[in-house]
C-alpha cells in the first residue's frame, strides 16, 4: 500500500493519516499538519484498491478506532478519529 509523504521540519513523531480525497475534514487536517511543519504520510483510502481498503479497515478497527476519516495515527500508538485539533496538538506536542 503506497503512502504519500509530506515533508516537514517537525519530524519528532511518526504521523500516518488515513483520509478520503474528497473529505473536507481530511483536507483541513492535512492543511493543519502542513501549516505546523509536521512531517506526515497519508493514504487516500477511496483511491486504494479493494484489498488495501480492507487492510486499512482492519488496521483502524484493530486499534480500537471506528471507520471515520480522517484517522490519524501518531507514533503507531495514538489514534485520533476525525479532525480534533486539540488532540492532534497534544499528541504532537505543538
PDB file of N, CA and C in Angstrom:
ATOM      1  N   UNK A   1       0.848  -1.163   0.000  1.00  0.00           N
ATOM      2  CA  UNK A   1       0.000   0.000   0.000  1.00  0.00           C
ATOM      3  C   UNK A   1       0.901   1.235   0.000  1.00  0.00           C
ATOM      4  N   UNK A   2       0.660   2.135  -0.909  1.00  0.00           N
ATOM      5  CA  UNK A   2       1.506   3.304  -1.109  1.00  0.00           C
ATOM      6  C   UNK A   2       1.023   4.492  -0.295  1.00  0.00           C
ATOM      7  N   UNK A   3       1.946   5.125   0.423  1.00  0.00           N
ATOM      8  CA  UNK A   3       1.616   6.344   1.151  1.00  0.00           C
ATOM      9  C   UNK A   3       2.221   7.534   0.413  1.00  0.00           C
ATOM     10  N   UNK A   4       1.660   8.693   0.664  1.00  0.00           N
ATOM     11  CA  UNK A   4       2.222   9.939   0.152  1.00  0.00           C
ATOM     12  C   UNK A   4       2.880  10.634   1.330  1.00  0.00           C
ATOM     13  N   UNK A   5       4.168  10.946   1.166  1.00  0.00           N
ATOM     14  CA  UNK A   5       4.909  11.581   2.254  1.00  0.00           C
ATOM     15  C   UNK A   5       4.933  13.091   2.038  1.00  0.00           C
ATOM     16  N   UNK A   6       4.605  13.812   3.103  1.00  0.00           N
ATOM     17  CA  UNK A   6       4.648  15.268   3.088  1.00  0.00           C
ATOM     18  C   UNK A   6       5.800  15.677   4.005  1.00  0.00           C
ATOM     19  N   UNK A   7       6.840  16.272   3.434  1.00  0.00           N
ATOM     20  CA  UNK A   7       7.981  16.653   4.261  1.00  0.00           C
ATOM     21  C   UNK A   7       7.631  17.803   5.204  1.00  0.00           C
ATOM     22  N   UNK A   8       8.343  17.845   6.309  1.00  0.00           N
ATOM     23  CA  UNK A   8       8.158  18.924   7.274  1.00  0.00           C
ATOM     24  C   UNK A   8       9.362  19.011   8.184  1.00  0.00           C
ATOM     25  N   UNK A   9       9.581  20.174   8.754  1.00  0.00           N
ATOM     26  CA  UNK A   9      10.721  20.370   9.654  1.00  0.00           C
ATOM     27  C   UNK A   9      10.531  19.628  10.968  1.00  0.00           C
ATOM     28  N   UNK A  10       9.272  19.449  11.378  1.00  0.00           N
ATOM     29  CA  UNK A  10       8.987  18.770  12.642  1.00  0.00           C
ATOM     30  C   UNK A  10       8.736  17.293  12.359  1.00  0.00           C
ATOM     31  N   UNK A  11       9.763  16.484  12.575  1.00  0.00           N
ATOM     32  CA  UNK A  11       9.635  15.042  12.343  1.00  0.00           C
ATOM     33  C   UNK A  11       9.873  14.260  13.634  1.00  0.00           C
ATOM     34  N   UNK A  12       9.528  14.893  14.751  1.00  0.00           N
ATOM     35  CA  UNK A  12       9.700  14.276  16.071  1.00  0.00           C
ATOM     36  C   UNK A  12       8.820  13.043  16.233  1.00  0.00           C
ATOM     37  N   UNK A  13       7.653  13.045  15.565  1.00  0.00           N
ATOM     38  CA  UNK A  13       6.703  11.937  15.680  1.00  0.00           C
ATOM     39  C   UNK A  13       6.439  11.353  14.295  1.00  0.00           C
ATOM     40  N   UNK A  14       6.116  10.075  14.282  1.00  0.00           N
ATOM     41  CA  UNK A  14       5.688   9.439  13.035  1.00  0.00           C
ATOM     42  C   UNK A  14       4.176   9.603  12.945  1.00  0.00           C
ATOM     43  N   UNK A  15       3.724  10.224  11.869  1.00  0.00           N
ATOM     44  CA  UNK A  15       2.306  10.518  11.709  1.00  0.00           C
ATOM     45  C   UNK A  15       1.803   9.877  10.417  1.00  0.00           C
ATOM     46  N   UNK A  16       0.767   9.071  10.546  1.00  0.00           N
ATOM     47  CA  UNK A  16       0.106   8.453   9.401  1.00  0.00           C
ATOM     48  C   UNK A  16      -1.361   8.845   9.437  1.00  0.00           C
ATOM     49  N   UNK A  17      -1.875   9.289   8.303  1.00  0.00           N
ATOM     50  CA  UNK A  17      -3.276   9.671   8.227  1.00  0.00           C
ATOM     51  C   UNK A  17      -3.977   8.852   7.153  1.00  0.00           C
ATOM     52  N   UNK A  18      -5.089   8.237   7.544  1.00  0.00           N
ATOM     53  CA  UNK A  18      -5.994   7.629   6.582  1.00  0.00           C
ATOM     54  C   UNK A  18      -7.042   8.691   6.268  1.00  0.00           C
ATOM     55  N   UNK A  19      -7.191   9.005   4.992  1.00  0.00           N
ATOM     56  CA  UNK A  19      -8.074  10.093   4.599  1.00  0.00           C
ATOM     57  C   UNK A  19      -8.908   9.682   3.387  1.00  0.00           C
ATOM     58  N   UNK A  20      -9.830  10.552   3.026  1.00  0.00           N
ATOM     59  CA  UNK A  20     -10.590  10.426   1.781  1.00  0.00           C
ATOM     60  C   UNK A  20     -10.252  11.646   0.934  1.00  0.00           C
ATOM     61  N   UNK A  21     -10.063  11.446  -0.345  1.00  0.00           N
ATOM     62  CA  UNK A  21      -9.619  12.540  -1.216  1.00  0.00           C
ATOM     63  C   UNK A  21     -10.648  13.657  -1.327  1.00  0.00           C
ATOM     64  N   UNK A  22     -11.912  13.372  -1.062  1.00  0.00           N
ATOM     65  CA  UNK A  22     -12.977  14.356  -1.211  1.00  0.00           C
ATOM     66  C   UNK A  22     -13.477  14.912   0.121  1.00  0.00           C
ATOM     67  N   UNK A  23     -12.877  14.508   1.215  1.00  0.00           N
ATOM     68  CA  UNK A  23     -13.345  14.864   2.560  1.00  0.00           C
ATOM     69  C   UNK A  23     -12.807  16.227   2.992  1.00  0.00           C
ATOM     70  N   UNK A  24     -13.700  17.140   3.315  1.00  0.00           N
ATOM     71  CA  UNK A  24     -13.301  18.462   3.773  1.00  0.00           C
ATOM     72  C   UNK A  24     -12.513  18.438   5.065  1.00  0.00           C
ATOM     73  N   UNK A  25     -12.907  17.572   6.013  1.00  0.00           N
ATOM     74  CA  UNK A  25     -12.185  17.463   7.288  1.00  0.00           C
ATOM     75  C   UNK A  25     -10.786  16.900   7.072  1.00  0.00           C
ATOM     76  N   UNK A  26     -10.659  15.977   6.118  1.00  0.00           N
ATOM     77  CA  UNK A  26      -9.347  15.408   5.802  1.00  0.00           C
ATOM     78  C   UNK A  26      -8.438  16.483   5.216  1.00  0.00           C
ATOM     79  N   UNK A  27      -8.978  17.298   4.322  1.00  0.00           N
ATOM     80  CA  UNK A  27      -8.198  18.393   3.729  1.00  0.00           C
ATOM     81  C   UNK A  27      -7.779  19.383   4.808  1.00  0.00           C
ATOM     82  N   UNK A  28      -8.671  19.651   5.745  1.00  0.00           N
ATOM     83  CA  UNK A  28      -8.355  20.568   6.832  1.00  0.00           C
ATOM     84  C   UNK A  28      -7.239  19.998   7.717  1.00  0.00           C
ATOM     85  N   UNK A  29      -7.301  18.697   8.001  1.00  0.00           N
ATOM     86  CA  UNK A  29      -6.262  18.058   8.824  1.00  0.00           C
ATOM     87  C   UNK A  29      -4.910  18.097   8.109  1.00  0.00           C
ATOM     88  N   UNK A  30      -4.896  17.816   6.812  1.00  0.00           N
ATOM     89  CA  UNK A  30      -3.640  17.882   6.042  1.00  0.00           C
ATOM     90  C   UNK A  30      -3.081  19.298   6.072  1.00  0.00           C
ATOM     91  N   UNK A  31      -3.938  20.293   5.873  1.00  0.00           N
ATOM     92  CA  UNK A  31      -3.508  21.695   5.886  1.00  0.00           C
ATOM     93  C   UNK A  31      -2.939  22.067   7.255  1.00  0.00           C
ATOM     94  N   UNK A  32      -3.615  21.627   8.318  1.00  0.00           N
ATOM     95  CA  UNK A  32      -3.152  21.907   9.680  1.00  0.00           C
ATOM     96  C   UNK A  32      -1.739  21.359   9.889  1.00  0.00           C
ATOM     97  N   UNK A  33      -1.520  20.114   9.496  1.00  0.00           N
ATOM     98  CA  UNK A  33      -0.200  19.498   9.671  1.00  0.00           C
ATOM     99  C   UNK A  33       0.854  20.233   8.845  1.00  0.00           C
ATOM    100  N   UNK A  34       0.524  20.555   7.601  1.00  0.00           N
ATOM    101  CA  UNK A  34       1.468  21.301   6.753  1.00  0.00           C
ATOM    102  C   UNK A  34       1.783  22.670   7.357  1.00  0.00           C
ATOM    103  N   UNK A  35       0.748  23.384   7.792  1.00  0.00           N
ATOM    104  CA  UNK A  35       0.927  24.724   8.347  1.00  0.00           C
ATOM    105  C   UNK A  35       1.809  24.720   9.591  1.00  0.00           C
ATOM    106  N   UNK A  36       1.837  23.596  10.304  1.00  0.00           N
ATOM    107  CA  UNK A  36       2.658  23.486  11.510  1.00  0.00           C
ATOM    108  C   UNK A  36       3.984  22.770  11.247  1.00  0.00           C
ATOM    109  N   UNK A  37       4.304  22.551   9.980  1.00  0.00           N
ATOM    110  CA  UNK A  37       5.594  21.960   9.616  1.00  0.00           C
ATOM    111  C   UNK A  37       5.766  20.519  10.042  1.00  0.00           C
ATOM    112  N   UNK A  38       4.660  19.807  10.218  1.00  0.00           N
ATOM    113  CA  UNK A  38       4.718  18.412  10.655  1.00  0.00           C
ATOM    114  C   UNK A  38       4.963  17.507   9.453  1.00  0.00           C
ATOM    115  N   UNK A  39       5.962  16.662   9.553  1.00  0.00           N
ATOM    116  CA  UNK A  39       6.182  15.647   8.521  1.00  0.00           C
ATOM    117  C   UNK A  39       5.154  14.545   8.750  1.00  0.00           C
ATOM    118  N   UNK A  40       4.475  14.136   7.684  1.00  0.00           N
ATOM    119  CA  UNK A  40       3.475  13.077   7.821  1.00  0.00           C
ATOM    120  C   UNK A  40       3.305  12.319   6.520  1.00  0.00           C
ATOM    121  N   UNK A  41       2.673  11.178   6.639  1.00  0.00           N
ATOM    122  CA  UNK A  41       2.318  10.366   5.481  1.00  0.00           C
ATOM    123  C   UNK A  41       0.813  10.193   5.499  1.00  0.00           C
ATOM    124  N   UNK A  42       0.237  10.075   4.307  1.00  0.00           N
ATOM    125  CA  UNK A  42      -1.199   9.841   4.244  1.00  0.00           C
ATOM    126  C   UNK A  42      -1.539   8.880   3.117  1.00  0.00           C
ATOM    127  N   UNK A  43      -2.699   8.281   3.267  1.00  0.00           N
ATOM    128  CA  UNK A  43      -3.264   7.394   2.248  1.00  0.00           C
ATOM    129  C   UNK A  43      -4.690   7.846   2.016  1.00  0.00           C
ATOM    130  N   UNK A  44      -5.023   8.167   0.772  1.00  0.00           N
ATOM    131  CA  UNK A  44      -6.412   8.457   0.426  1.00  0.00           C
ATOM    132  C   UNK A  44      -7.099   7.122   0.172  1.00  0.00           C
ATOM    133  N   UNK A  45      -7.849   6.685   1.150  1.00  0.00           N
ATOM    134  CA  UNK A  45      -8.435   5.342   1.156  1.00  0.00           C
ATOM    135  C   UNK A  45      -9.347   5.119  -0.050  1.00  0.00           C
ATOM    136  N   UNK A  46     -10.096   6.142  -0.427  1.00  0.00           N
ATOM    137  CA  UNK A  46     -11.034   5.985  -1.546  1.00  0.00           C
ATOM    138  C   UNK A  46     -10.333   5.788  -2.884  1.00  0.00           C
ATOM    139  N   UNK A  47      -9.037   6.065  -2.945  1.00  0.00           N
ATOM    140  CA  UNK A  47      -8.280   5.863  -4.181  1.00  0.00           C
ATOM    141  C   UNK A  47      -7.518   4.541  -4.183  1.00  0.00           C
ATOM    142  N   UNK A  48      -7.657   3.770  -3.107  1.00  0.00           N
ATOM    143  CA  UNK A  48      -6.988   2.467  -2.977  1.00  0.00           C
ATOM    144  C   UNK A  48      -7.842   1.366  -3.595  1.00  0.00           C
ATOM    145  N   UNK A  49      -7.191   0.261  -3.892  1.00  0.00           N
ATOM    146  CA  UNK A  49      -7.898  -0.923  -4.348  1.00  0.00           C
ATOM    147  C   UNK A  49      -8.621  -1.593  -3.191  1.00  0.00           C
ATOM    148  N   UNK A  50      -9.484  -2.520  -3.513  1.00  0.00           N
ATOM    149  CA  UNK A  50     -10.305  -3.196  -2.508  1.00  0.00           C
ATOM    150  C   UNK A  50      -9.466  -3.894  -1.442  1.00  0.00           C
ATOM    151  N   UNK A  51      -8.396  -4.545  -1.845  1.00  0.00           N
ATOM    152  CA  UNK A  51      -7.550  -5.269  -0.890  1.00  0.00           C
ATOM    153  C   UNK A  51      -6.915  -4.310   0.114  1.00  0.00           C
ATOM    154  N   UNK A  52      -6.394  -3.183  -0.367  1.00  0.00           N
ATOM    155  CA  UNK A  52      -5.801  -2.198   0.536  1.00  0.00           C
ATOM    156  C   UNK A  52      -6.854  -1.562   1.439  1.00  0.00           C
ATOM    157  N   UNK A  53      -8.034  -1.284   0.912  1.00  0.00           N
ATOM    158  CA  UNK A  53      -9.106  -0.716   1.741  1.00  0.00           C
ATOM    159  C   UNK A  53      -9.466  -1.663   2.880  1.00  0.00           C
ATOM    160  N   UNK A  54      -9.485  -2.951   2.587  1.00  0.00           N
ATOM    161  CA  UNK A  54      -9.788  -3.945   3.616  1.00  0.00           C
ATOM    162  C   UNK A  54      -8.672  -3.979   4.661  1.00  0.00           C
ATOM    163  N   UNK A  55      -7.426  -3.886   4.225  1.00  0.00           N
ATOM    164  CA  UNK A  55      -6.290  -3.877   5.147  1.00  0.00           C
ATOM    165  C   UNK A  55      -6.356  -2.643   6.058  1.00  0.00           C
ATOM    166  N   UNK A  56      -6.706  -1.497   5.495  1.00  0.00           N
ATOM    167  CA  UNK A  56      -6.843  -0.262   6.277  1.00  0.00           C
ATOM    168  C   UNK A  56      -7.991  -0.391   7.270  1.00  0.00           C
ATOM    169  N   UNK A  57      -9.105  -0.934   6.823  1.00  0.00           N
ATOM    170  CA  UNK A  57     -10.259  -1.140   7.701  1.00  0.00           C
ATOM    171  C   UNK A  57      -9.877  -1.999   8.903  1.00  0.00           C
ATOM    172  N   UNK A  58      -9.172  -3.096   8.643  1.00  0.00           N
ATOM    173  CA  UNK A  58      -8.737  -3.978   9.733  1.00  0.00           C
ATOM    174  C   UNK A  58      -7.766  -3.263  10.674  1.00  0.00           C
ATOM    175  N   UNK A  59      -6.869  -2.449  10.113  1.00  0.00           N
ATOM    176  CA  UNK A  59      -5.905  -1.722  10.926  1.00  0.00           C
ATOM    177  C   UNK A  59      -6.620  -0.755  11.870  1.00  0.00           C
ATOM    178  N   UNK A  60      -7.542   0.031  11.339  1.00  0.00           N
ATOM    179  CA  UNK A  60      -8.261   1.011  12.165  1.00  0.00           C
ATOM    180  C   UNK A  60      -9.084   0.314  13.246  1.00  0.00           C
ATOM    181  N   UNK A  61      -9.862  -0.678  12.859  1.00  0.00           N
ATOM    182  CA  UNK A  61     -10.705  -1.384  13.830  1.00  0.00           C
ATOM    183  C   UNK A  61      -9.869  -2.145  14.846  1.00  0.00           C
ATOM    184  N   UNK A  62      -8.744  -2.714  14.404  1.00  0.00           N
ATOM    185  CA  UNK A  62      -7.858  -3.449  15.301  1.00  0.00           C
ATOM    186  C   UNK A  62      -7.216  -2.571  16.360  1.00  0.00           C
ATOM    187  N   UNK A  63      -7.136  -1.272  16.082  1.00  0.00           N
ATOM    188  CA  UNK A  63      -6.572  -0.323  17.050  1.00  0.00           C
ATOM    189  C   UNK A  63      -7.655   0.270  17.948  1.00  0.00           C
ATOM    190  N   UNK A  64      -8.888  -0.212  17.780  1.00  0.00           N
ATOM    191  CA  UNK A  64      -9.988   0.286  18.596  1.00  0.00           C
ATOM    192  C   UNK A  64     -10.663   1.522  18.028  1.00  0.00           C
ATOM    193  N   UNK A  65     -10.339   1.863  16.792  1.00  0.00           N
ATOM    194  CA  UNK A  65     -10.948   3.030  16.161  1.00  0.00           C
ATOM    195  C   UNK A  65     -12.251   2.675  15.478  1.00  0.00           C
ATOM    196  N   UNK A  66     -12.835   3.686  14.856  1.00  0.00           N
ATOM    197  CA  UNK A  66     -14.037   3.462  14.070  1.00  0.00           C
ATOM    198  C   UNK A  66     -13.765   3.980  12.660  1.00  0.00           C
ATOM    199  N   UNK A  67     -14.538   3.532  11.713  1.00  0.00           N
ATOM    200  CA  UNK A  67     -14.306   3.899  10.319  1.00  0.00           C
ATOM    201  C   UNK A  67     -14.846   5.297  10.046  1.00  0.00           C
ATOM    202  N   UNK A  68     -14.031   6.269  10.375  1.00  0.00           N
ATOM    203  CA  UNK A  68     -14.352   7.671  10.177  1.00  0.00           C
ATOM    204  C   UNK A  68     -13.066   8.349   9.737  1.00  0.00           C
ATOM    205  N   UNK A  69     -13.196   9.341   8.894  1.00  0.00           N
ATOM    206  CA  UNK A  69     -11.999   9.971   8.341  1.00  0.00           C
ATOM    207  C   UNK A  69     -12.016  11.470   8.591  1.00  0.00           C
ATOM    208  N   UNK A  70     -10.836  12.038   8.834  1.00  0.00           N
ATOM    209  CA  UNK A  70      -9.537  11.389   8.839  1.00  0.00           C
ATOM    210  C   UNK A  70      -9.323  10.556  10.106  1.00  0.00           C
ATOM    211  N   UNK A  71      -8.493   9.547   9.985  1.00  0.00           N
ATOM    212  CA  UNK A  71      -7.994   8.803  11.134  1.00  0.00           C
ATOM    213  C   UNK A  71      -6.493   9.038  11.149  1.00  0.00           C
ATOM    214  N   UNK A  72      -6.010   9.577  12.247  1.00  0.00           N
ATOM    215  CA  UNK A  72      -4.598   9.938  12.373  1.00  0.00           C
ATOM    216  C   UNK A  72      -3.963   9.046  13.423  1.00  0.00           C
ATOM    217  N   UNK A  73      -2.835   8.444  13.070  1.00  0.00           N
ATOM    218  CA  UNK A  73      -2.110   7.566  13.982  1.00  0.00           C
ATOM    219  C   UNK A  73      -0.746   8.206  14.246  1.00  0.00           C
ATOM    220  N   UNK A  74      -0.468   8.471  15.521  1.00  0.00           N
ATOM    221  CA  UNK A  74       0.781   9.116  15.916  1.00  0.00           C
ATOM    222  C   UNK A  74       1.644   8.096  16.638  1.00  0.00           C
ATOM    223  N   UNK A  75       2.870   7.949  16.157  1.00  0.00           N
ATOM    224  CA  UNK A  75       3.851   7.036  16.761  1.00  0.00           C
ATOM    225  C   UNK A  75       3.333   5.609  16.902  1.00  0.00           C
ATOM    226  N   UNK A  76       2.446   5.238  16.024  1.00  0.00           N
ATOM    227  CA  UNK A  76       1.917   3.873  15.985  1.00  0.00           C
ATOM    228  C   UNK A  76       1.153   3.494  17.262  1.00  0.00           C
ATOM    229  N   UNK A  77       0.834   4.485  18.114  1.00  0.00           N
ATOM    230  CA  UNK A  77       0.143   4.179  19.365  1.00  0.00           C
ATOM    231  C   UNK A  77      -1.101   5.030  19.597  1.00  0.00           C
ATOM    232  N   UNK A  78      -1.069   6.298  19.240  1.00  0.00           N
ATOM    233  CA  UNK A  78      -2.189   7.212  19.485  1.00  0.00           C
ATOM    234  C   UNK A  78      -3.068   7.272  18.242  1.00  0.00           C
ATOM    235  N   UNK A  79      -4.356   6.993  18.400  1.00  0.00           N
ATOM    236  CA  UNK A  79      -5.298   7.028  17.286  1.00  0.00           C
ATOM    237  C   UNK A  79      -6.293   8.165  17.516  1.00  0.00           C
ATOM    238  N   UNK A  80      -6.378   9.058  16.543  1.00  0.00           N
ATOM    239  CA  UNK A  80      -7.289  10.199  16.626  1.00  0.00           C
ATOM    240  C   UNK A  80      -8.255  10.103  15.458  1.00  0.00           C
ATOM    241  N   UNK A  81      -9.534  10.024  15.764  1.00  0.00           N
ATOM    242  CA  UNK A  81     -10.559   9.916  14.736  1.00  0.00           C
ATOM    243  C   UNK A  81     -11.185  11.278  14.516  1.00  0.00           C
ATOM    244  N   UNK A  82     -11.263  11.673  13.271  1.00  0.00           N
ATOM    245  CA  UNK A  82     -11.813  12.948  12.826  1.00  0.00           C
ATOM    246  C   UNK A  82     -10.836  14.071  13.150  1.00  0.00           C
ATOM    247  N   UNK A  83     -11.115  15.259  12.667  1.00  0.00           N
ATOM    248  CA  UNK A  83     -10.204  16.386  12.873  1.00  0.00           C
ATOM    249  C   UNK A  83     -10.472  17.010  14.236  1.00  0.00           C
ATOM    250  N   UNK A  84      -9.655  16.615  15.211  1.00  0.00           N
ATOM    251  CA  UNK A  84      -9.753  17.129  16.577  1.00  0.00           C
ATOM    252  C   UNK A  84      -8.452  17.874  16.865  1.00  0.00           C
ATOM    253  N   UNK A  85      -8.461  19.164  16.568  1.00  0.00           N
ATOM    254  CA  UNK A  85      -7.236  19.950  16.651  1.00  0.00           C
ATOM    255  C   UNK A  85      -6.565  19.857  18.016  1.00  0.00           C
ATOM    256  N   UNK A  86      -7.341  19.918  19.095  1.00  0.00           N
ATOM    257  CA  UNK A  86      -6.744  19.864  20.430  1.00  0.00           C
ATOM    258  C   UNK A  86      -6.036  18.544  20.686  1.00  0.00           C
ATOM    259  N   UNK A  87      -6.629  17.438  20.262  1.00  0.00           N
ATOM    260  CA  UNK A  87      -5.985  16.122  20.454  1.00  0.00           C
ATOM    261  C   UNK A  87      -4.744  15.985  19.582  1.00  0.00           C
ATOM    262  N   UNK A  88      -4.794  16.530  18.380  1.00  0.00           N
ATOM    263  CA  UNK A  88      -3.630  16.478  17.481  1.00  0.00           C
ATOM    264  C   UNK A  88      -2.487  17.295  18.080  1.00  0.00           C
ATOM    265  N   UNK A  89      -2.820  18.498  18.547  1.00  0.00           N
ATOM    266  CA  UNK A  89      -1.786  19.349  19.184  1.00  0.00           C
ATOM    267  C   UNK A  89      -1.145  18.633  20.369  1.00  0.00           C
ATOM    268  N   UNK A  90      -1.975  17.992  21.194  1.00  0.00           N
ATOM    269  CA  UNK A  90      -1.463  17.293  22.372  1.00  0.00           C
ATOM    270  C   UNK A  90      -0.556  16.135  21.964  1.00  0.00           C
ATOM    271  N   UNK A  91      -1.002  15.320  21.015  1.00  0.00           N
ATOM    272  CA  UNK A  91      -0.213  14.157  20.608  1.00  0.00           C
ATOM    273  C   UNK A  91       1.100  14.558  19.958  1.00  0.00           C
ATOM    274  N   UNK A  92       1.104  15.699  19.244  1.00  0.00           N
ATOM    275  CA  UNK A  92       2.297  16.148  18.530  1.00  0.00           C
ATOM    276  C   UNK A  92       3.109  17.167  19.318  1.00  0.00           C
ATOM    277  N   UNK A  93       2.621  17.505  20.512  1.00  0.00           N
ATOM    278  CA  UNK A  93       3.323  18.456  21.381  1.00  0.00           C
ATOM    279  C   UNK A  93       3.556  19.801  20.699  1.00  0.00           C
ATOM    280  N   UNK A  94       2.477  20.324  20.088  1.00  0.00           N
ATOM    281  CA  UNK A  94       2.584  21.653  19.438  1.00  0.00           C
ATOM    282  C   UNK A  94       1.569  22.611  20.030  1.00  0.00           C
TER     283      UNK A  94
END
